Amino acid sequence: MQPTLYLLAPGQDVDPIFCPESAMVEGILHYYPSILDAVVVKRIAFARPRPDLVAALGEAYQGAPVLVFADDVEAPASCESTPEGRRFLAGPDAIATFFADAGLAGRRAP
């Protein structure tokens, strides 16, 4: 099963906003569109609670961007985990490093 990437969708309402960290990952997906063949992408709303993330990781883990690994999939040793054992990578740096290490994207410039 593919990992699931949760990104915050830009707000389009009265006060348009965007998440800089999610925008960075969106940029990587734009640079390397083949990543979309390797992950499931879910763009979620800013408002909390974030039901998709609560279902995936629990109430305490609602930050994005986050890459969540299925229980039956090998995940990198650098993953964080919930008390229930769900494994994930949080933040654009960890996610970009995973994509590069998996051969899906280039390495970040120094």
C-alpha atoms as a PDB file:
ATOM      1  CA  MET A   1       0.000   0.000   0.000  1.00  0.00           C
ATOM      2  CA  GLN A   2       1.260   3.475  -0.851  1.00  0.00           C
ATOM      3  CA  PRO A   3       1.969   6.033   1.860  1.00  0.00           C
ATOM      4  CA  THR A   4      -0.531   8.868   2.155  1.00  0.00           C
ATOM      5  CA  LEU A   5       0.658  12.467   1.958  1.00  0.00           C
ATOM      6  CA  TYR A   6      -1.545  15.014   3.716  1.00  0.00           C
ATOM      7  CA  LEU A   7      -1.185  18.633   2.617  1.00  0.00           C
ATOM      8  CA  LEU A   8      -3.110  21.716   3.693  1.00  0.00           C
ATOM      9  CA  ALA A   9      -5.036  23.118   0.748  1.00  0.00           C
ATOM     10  CA  PRO A  10      -4.796  26.886   0.303  1.00  0.00           C
ATOM     11  CA  GLY A  11      -7.747  28.768   1.737  1.00  0.00           C
ATOM     12  CA  GLN A  12      -9.918  30.449  -0.879  1.00  0.00           C
ATOM     13  CA  ASP A  13     -12.349  32.237   1.403  1.00  0.00           C
ATOM     14  CA  VAL A  14     -12.592  35.824   2.679  1.00  0.00           C
ATOM     15  CA  ASP A  15      -9.087  35.625   4.187  1.00  0.00           C
ATOM     16  CA  PRO A  16      -7.063  33.560   1.696  1.00  0.00           C
ATOM     17  CA  ILE A  17      -4.131  31.817   3.378  1.00  0.00           C
ATOM     18  CA  PHE A  18      -1.674  29.060   2.576  1.00  0.00           C
ATOM     19  CA  CYS A  19       0.641  26.809   4.544  1.00  0.00           C
ATOM     20  CA  PRO A  20       4.298  27.510   3.609  1.00  0.00           C
ATOM     21  CA  GLU A  21       5.358  23.978   4.564  1.00  0.00           C
ATOM     22  CA  SER A  22       2.645  22.376   2.424  1.00  0.00           C
ATOM     23  CA  ALA A  23       3.517  24.776  -0.415  1.00  0.00           C
ATOM     24  CA  MET A  24       7.131  23.560  -0.279  1.00  0.00           C
ATOM     25  CA  VAL A  25       5.994  19.946  -0.679  1.00  0.00           C
ATOM     26  CA  GLU A  26       3.596  20.978  -3.461  1.00  0.00           C
ATOM     27  CA  GLY A  27       6.632  22.478  -5.220  1.00  0.00           C
ATOM     28  CA  ILE A  28       8.518  19.196  -4.960  1.00  0.00           C
ATOM     29  CA  LEU A  29       5.500  17.382  -6.430  1.00  0.00           C
ATOM     30  CA  HIS A  30       5.519  19.905  -9.285  1.00  0.00           C
ATOM     31  CA  TYR A  31       9.256  19.396  -9.915  1.00  0.00           C
ATOM     32  CA  TYR A  32       8.979  15.591  -9.712  1.00  0.00           C
ATOM     33  CA  PRO A  33       5.449  14.584 -10.802  1.00  0.00           C
ATOM     34  CA  SER A  34       6.373  10.870 -10.814  1.00  0.00           C
ATOM     35  CA  ILE A  35       6.097  11.063  -6.994  1.00  0.00           C
ATOM     36  CA  LEU A  36       2.330  11.077  -7.568  1.00  0.00           C
ATOM     37  CA  ASP A  37       2.621   7.462  -8.763  1.00  0.00           C
ATOM     38  CA  ALA A  38       4.203   6.454  -5.446  1.00  0.00           C
ATOM     39  CA  VAL A  39       2.008   8.222  -2.886  1.00  0.00           C
ATOM     40  CA  VAL A  40      -1.658   9.017  -2.327  1.00  0.00           C
ATOM     41  CA  VAL A  41      -2.115  12.787  -1.914  1.00  0.00           C
ATOM     42  CA  LYS A  42      -4.914  14.201   0.219  1.00  0.00           C
ATOM     43  CA  ARG A  43      -5.369  17.957   0.364  1.00  0.00           C
ATOM     44  CA  ILE A  44      -7.246  18.869   3.509  1.00  0.00           C
ATOM     45  CA  ALA A  45      -8.764  22.037   4.953  1.00  0.00           C
ATOM     46  CA  PHE A  46      -7.052  24.240   7.530  1.00  0.00           C
ATOM     47  CA  ALA A  47      -9.894  23.999  10.048  1.00  0.00           C
ATOM     48  CA  ARG A  48      -9.473  21.689  13.020  1.00  0.00           C
ATOM     49  CA  PRO A  49     -10.342  19.059  13.795  1.00  0.00           C
ATOM     50  CA  ARG A  50      -8.977  17.518  10.619  1.00  0.00           C
ATOM     51  CA  PRO A  51     -10.994  14.292  10.353  1.00  0.00           C
ATOM     52  CA  ASP A  52      -8.715  12.532   7.851  1.00  0.00           C
ATOM     53  CA  LEU A  53      -5.643  13.093  10.022  1.00  0.00           C
ATOM     54  CA  VAL A  54      -7.482  12.167  13.215  1.00  0.00           C
ATOM     55  CA  ALA A  55      -8.509   8.892  11.550  1.00  0.00           C
ATOM     56  CA  ALA A  56      -4.959   8.228  10.348  1.00  0.00           C
ATOM     57  CA  LEU A  57      -2.902   9.299  13.377  1.00  0.00           C
ATOM     58  CA  GLY A  58      -5.191  10.279  16.230  1.00  0.00           C
ATOM     59  CA  GLU A  59      -6.429  13.525  17.759  1.00  0.00           C
ATOM     60  CA  ALA A  60      -2.977  14.653  18.917  1.00  0.00           C
ATOM     61  CA  TYR A  61      -1.410  14.509  15.430  1.00  0.00           C
ATOM     62  CA  GLN A  62      -3.118  17.040  13.152  1.00  0.00           C
ATOM     63  CA  GLY A  63      -0.116  18.890  11.719  1.00  0.00           C
ATOM     64  CA  ALA A  64       0.605  18.969   8.007  1.00  0.00           C
ATOM     65  CA  PRO A  65       2.370  18.244   5.790  1.00  0.00           C
ATOM     66  CA  VAL A  66       2.692  14.669   6.943  1.00  0.00           C
ATOM     67  CA  LEU A  67       3.441  11.393   5.128  1.00  0.00           C
ATOM     68  CA  VAL A  68       1.691   8.422   6.765  1.00  0.00           C
ATOM     69  CA  PHE A  69       2.839   4.843   6.166  1.00  0.00           C
ATOM     70  CA  ALA A  70       0.475   1.882   6.196  1.00  0.00           C
ATOM     71  CA  ASP A  71       1.075  -0.736   8.875  1.00  0.00           C
ATOM     72  CA  ASP A  72       2.083  -3.373   6.319  1.00  0.00           C
ATOM     73  CA  VAL A  73       4.654  -1.180   4.529  1.00  0.00           C
ATOM     74  CA  GLU A  74       8.322  -0.790   5.379  1.00  0.00           C
ATOM     75  CA  ALA A  75       8.941   2.736   6.606  1.00  0.00           C
ATOM     76  CA  PRO A  76      12.224   4.611   7.043  1.00  0.00           C
ATOM     77  CA  ALA A  77      13.967   4.394  10.403  1.00  0.00           C
ATOM     78  CA  SER A  78      13.602   8.168  10.746  1.00  0.00           C
ATOM     79  CA  CYS A  79       9.804   7.881  11.127  1.00  0.00           C
ATOM     80  CA  GLU A  80       7.987   9.149  14.149  1.00  0.00           C
ATOM     81  CA  SER A  81       5.205   6.998  15.543  1.00  0.00           C
ATOM     82  CA  THR A  82       2.014   7.375  17.513  1.00  0.00           C
ATOM     83  CA  PRO A  83       1.479   5.453  20.764  1.00  0.00           C
ATOM     84  CA  GLU A  84      -0.604   3.031  18.660  1.00  0.00           C
ATOM     85  CA  GLY A  85       2.369   2.399  16.351  1.00  0.00           C
ATOM     86  CA  ARG A  86       1.259   4.396  13.289  1.00  0.00           C
ATOM     87  CA  ARG A  87       4.408   5.611  11.499  1.00  0.00           C
ATOM     88  CA  PHE A  88       4.792   8.961   9.793  1.00  0.00           C
ATOM     89  CA  LEU A  89       7.190  11.651   8.618  1.00  0.00           C
ATOM     90  CA  ALA A  90       6.246  15.203   9.571  1.00  0.00           C
ATOM     91  CA  GLY A  91       7.361  18.406   7.894  1.00  0.00           C
ATOM     92  CA  PRO A  92       8.757  19.307   4.497  1.00  0.00           C
ATOM     93  CA  ASP A  93      12.398  18.482   5.278  1.00  0.00           C
ATOM     94  CA  ALA A  94      11.680  14.913   6.411  1.00  0.00           C
ATOM     95  CA  ILE A  95       9.321  14.335   3.500  1.00  0.00           C
ATOM     96  CA  ALA A  96      11.757  15.787   0.922  1.00  0.00           C
ATOM     97  CA  THR A  97      14.568  13.639   2.330  1.00  0.00           C
ATOM     98  CA  PHE A  98      12.382  10.534   2.065  1.00  0.00           C
ATOM     99  CA  PHE A  99      11.520  11.316  -1.568  1.00  0.00           C
ATOM    100  CA  ALA A 100      15.210  11.837  -2.399  1.00  0.00           C
ATOM    101  CA  ASP A 101      16.334   8.691  -0.560  1.00  0.00           C
ATOM    102  CA  ALA A 102      13.633   6.686  -2.361  1.00  0.00           C
ATOM    103  CA  GLY A 103      14.918   7.957  -5.721  1.00  0.00           C
ATOM    104  CA  LEU A 104      11.715   9.886  -6.385  1.00  0.00           C
ATOM    105  CA  ALA A 105      13.219  13.385  -6.230  1.00  0.00           C
ATOM    106  CA  GLY A 106      16.528  15.175  -6.310  1.00  0.00           C
ATOM    107  CA  ARG A 107      18.483  16.053  -3.192  1.00  0.00           C
ATOM    108  CA  ARG A 108      18.065  19.406  -1.516  1.00  0.00           C
ATOM    109  CA  ALA A 109      20.816  21.901  -2.352  1.00  0.00           C
ATOM    110  CA  PRO A 110      23.099  22.865   0.544  1.00  0.00           C
END
